[in-house]
Amino acid sequence: MVTSAGVPTPTPEEMVRNVTSMEIGYHLPNNTNFIPAGSVTSSEWASVDAVRITLILQSSGQNTGSQFKGGKAQPLYREMATTITLRNRVN
């Protein structure tokens, strides 16, 4: 959306239901961990060789879980992650 002053205003738009969190991590050679984008310096971006995307999903039924709180079942949560290697950057 663009305001009348011509300034872009981002508006969140749900693309996939029940996703409560999304994290994207980047891998650098000789590093054992995936790091957030803010930790990758401008000179390191050309060295990124893999990306990990992690989603936290919540069940749509609010009373479907086996965990009880106040005598009431809680929603189920699941974590799904995938790692993608960037072509021609993995030795």
C-alpha atoms as a PDB file:
ATOM      1  CA  MET A   1       0.000   0.000   0.000  1.00  0.00           C
ATOM      2  CA  VAL A   2       1.222   3.529  -0.756  1.00  0.00           C
ATOM      3  CA  THR A   3       0.055   6.576   1.162  1.00  0.00           C
ATOM      4  CA  SER A   4      -1.128   9.756  -0.537  1.00  0.00           C
ATOM      5  CA  ALA A   5       2.380  11.175   0.052  1.00  0.00           C
ATOM      6  CA  GLY A   6       3.803   8.325  -2.041  1.00  0.00           C
ATOM      7  CA  VAL A   7       5.396   6.560   0.938  1.00  0.00           C
ATOM      8  CA  PRO A   8       5.171   2.755   0.896  1.00  0.00           C
ATOM      9  CA  THR A   9       3.441   1.394   3.985  1.00  0.00           C
ATOM     10  CA  PRO A  10       3.925  -2.349   4.507  1.00  0.00           C
ATOM     11  CA  THR A  11       0.801  -4.195   5.549  1.00  0.00           C
ATOM     12  CA  PRO A  12       1.166  -7.703   6.999  1.00  0.00           C
ATOM     13  CA  GLU A  13      -0.793 -10.239   5.017  1.00  0.00           C
ATOM     14  CA  GLU A  14      -1.394 -13.805   6.144  1.00  0.00           C
ATOM     15  CA  MET A  15      -0.149 -16.277   3.529  1.00  0.00           C
ATOM     16  CA  VAL A  16      -0.237 -19.519   5.515  1.00  0.00           C
ATOM     17  CA  ARG A  17      -2.659 -20.114   8.366  1.00  0.00           C
ATOM     18  CA  ASN A  18      -1.543 -20.963  11.890  1.00  0.00           C
ATOM     19  CA  VAL A  19       2.122 -19.974  11.485  1.00  0.00           C
ATOM     20  CA  THR A  20       2.992 -18.188  14.721  1.00  0.00           C
ATOM     21  CA  SER A  21       6.709 -17.657  14.114  1.00  0.00           C
ATOM     22  CA  MET A  22       9.222 -17.761  11.261  1.00  0.00           C
ATOM     23  CA  GLU A  23      12.990 -17.580  11.619  1.00  0.00           C
ATOM     24  CA  ILE A  24      15.550 -17.466   8.824  1.00  0.00           C
ATOM     25  CA  GLY A  25      19.180 -18.287   9.562  1.00  0.00           C
ATOM     26  CA  TYR A  26      22.217 -18.045   7.297  1.00  0.00           C
ATOM     27  CA  HIS A  27      25.262 -20.315   7.277  1.00  0.00           C
ATOM     28  CA  LEU A  28      28.808 -19.197   6.596  1.00  0.00           C
ATOM     29  CA  PRO A  29      31.687 -21.562   5.738  1.00  0.00           C
ATOM     30  CA  ASN A  30      33.662 -22.864   8.735  1.00  0.00           C
ATOM     31  CA  ASN A  31      30.791 -21.930  11.048  1.00  0.00           C
ATOM     32  CA  THR A  32      28.726 -24.524  12.924  1.00  0.00           C
ATOM     33  CA  ASN A  33      25.678 -22.318  13.565  1.00  0.00           C
ATOM     34  CA  PHE A  34      23.096 -20.516  11.483  1.00  0.00           C
ATOM     35  CA  ILE A  35      23.028 -16.798  12.231  1.00  0.00           C
ATOM     36  CA  PRO A  36      20.368 -14.095  11.730  1.00  0.00           C
ATOM     37  CA  ALA A  37      20.614 -11.690   8.799  1.00  0.00           C
ATOM     38  CA  GLY A  38      21.596  -8.800  11.067  1.00  0.00           C
ATOM     39  CA  SER A  39      24.750 -10.694  12.080  1.00  0.00           C
ATOM     40  CA  VAL A  40      25.956 -11.215   8.489  1.00  0.00           C
ATOM     41  CA  THR A  41      28.260  -8.384   7.449  1.00  0.00           C
ATOM     42  CA  SER A  42      28.063  -6.889   3.970  1.00  0.00           C
ATOM     43  CA  SER A  43      31.321  -8.573   2.968  1.00  0.00           C
ATOM     44  CA  GLU A  44      30.056 -11.997   4.148  1.00  0.00           C
ATOM     45  CA  TRP A  45      26.852 -12.179   2.068  1.00  0.00           C
ATOM     46  CA  ALA A  46      28.724 -13.560  -0.954  1.00  0.00           C
ATOM     47  CA  SER A  47      29.988 -16.414   1.258  1.00  0.00           C
ATOM     48  CA  VAL A  48      26.612 -17.561   2.619  1.00  0.00           C
ATOM     49  CA  ASP A  49      26.299 -21.210   1.553  1.00  0.00           C
ATOM     50  CA  ALA A  50      23.028 -22.330   3.179  1.00  0.00           C
ATOM     51  CA  VAL A  51      19.759 -20.973   4.563  1.00  0.00           C
ATOM     52  CA  ARG A  52      17.578 -22.537   7.268  1.00  0.00           C
ATOM     53  CA  ILE A  53      13.903 -21.626   7.547  1.00  0.00           C
ATOM     54  CA  THR A  54      12.074 -22.573  10.738  1.00  0.00           C
ATOM     55  CA  LEU A  55       8.299 -22.257  11.210  1.00  0.00           C
ATOM     56  CA  ILE A  56       6.332 -22.647  14.437  1.00  0.00           C
ATOM     57  CA  LEU A  57       2.797 -23.866  13.724  1.00  0.00           C
ATOM     58  CA  GLN A  58      -0.211 -23.848  16.047  1.00  0.00           C
ATOM     59  CA  SER A  59      -3.231 -26.124  15.705  1.00  0.00           C
ATOM     60  CA  SER A  60      -6.413 -24.386  14.616  1.00  0.00           C
ATOM     61  CA  GLY A  61      -8.434 -26.185  17.296  1.00  0.00           C
ATOM     62  CA  GLN A  62      -7.801 -24.409  20.580  1.00  0.00           C
ATOM     63  CA  ASN A  63      -8.529 -27.513  22.673  1.00  0.00           C
ATOM     64  CA  THR A  64      -6.669 -30.219  20.755  1.00  0.00           C
ATOM     65  CA  GLY A  65      -3.463 -30.620  22.753  1.00  0.00           C
ATOM     66  CA  SER A  66      -2.621 -32.943  25.589  1.00  0.00           C
ATOM     67  CA  GLN A  67      -1.221 -30.157  27.790  1.00  0.00           C
ATOM     68  CA  PHE A  68      -3.783 -28.793  30.214  1.00  0.00           C
ATOM     69  CA  LYS A  69      -3.881 -25.363  31.765  1.00  0.00           C
ATOM     70  CA  GLY A  70      -6.686 -24.402  34.094  1.00  0.00           C
ATOM     71  CA  GLY A  71      -8.448 -27.698  33.300  1.00  0.00           C
ATOM     72  CA  LYS A  72      -8.543 -26.875  29.601  1.00  0.00           C
ATOM     73  CA  ALA A  73      -6.520 -28.489  26.777  1.00  0.00           C
ATOM     74  CA  GLN A  74      -4.098 -26.148  25.028  1.00  0.00           C
ATOM     75  CA  PRO A  75      -3.387 -25.876  21.277  1.00  0.00           C
ATOM     76  CA  LEU A  76      -0.692 -28.074  19.748  1.00  0.00           C
ATOM     77  CA  TYR A  77       2.532 -26.478  18.541  1.00  0.00           C
ATOM     78  CA  ARG A  78       4.939 -27.984  16.026  1.00  0.00           C
ATOM     79  CA  GLU A  79       8.279 -26.775  14.720  1.00  0.00           C
ATOM     80  CA  MET A  80       9.181 -27.445  11.108  1.00  0.00           C
ATOM     81  CA  ALA A  81      12.586 -26.594   9.658  1.00  0.00           C
ATOM     82  CA  THR A  82      14.241 -27.007   6.296  1.00  0.00           C
ATOM     83  CA  THR A  83      17.783 -26.267   5.211  1.00  0.00           C
ATOM     84  CA  ILE A  84      18.607 -25.193   1.685  1.00  0.00           C
ATOM     85  CA  THR A  85      22.124 -25.186   0.322  1.00  0.00           C
ATOM     86  CA  LEU A  86      22.951 -22.515  -2.208  1.00  0.00           C
ATOM     87  CA  ARG A  87      24.076 -23.984  -5.494  1.00  0.00           C
ATOM     88  CA  ASN A  88      27.744 -23.615  -6.410  1.00  0.00           C
ATOM     89  CA  ARG A  89      28.685 -22.414  -2.914  1.00  0.00           C
ATOM     90  CA  VAL A  90      29.096 -25.770  -1.159  1.00  0.00           C
ATOM     91  CA  ASN A  91      32.403 -27.558  -1.542  1.00  0.00           C
END
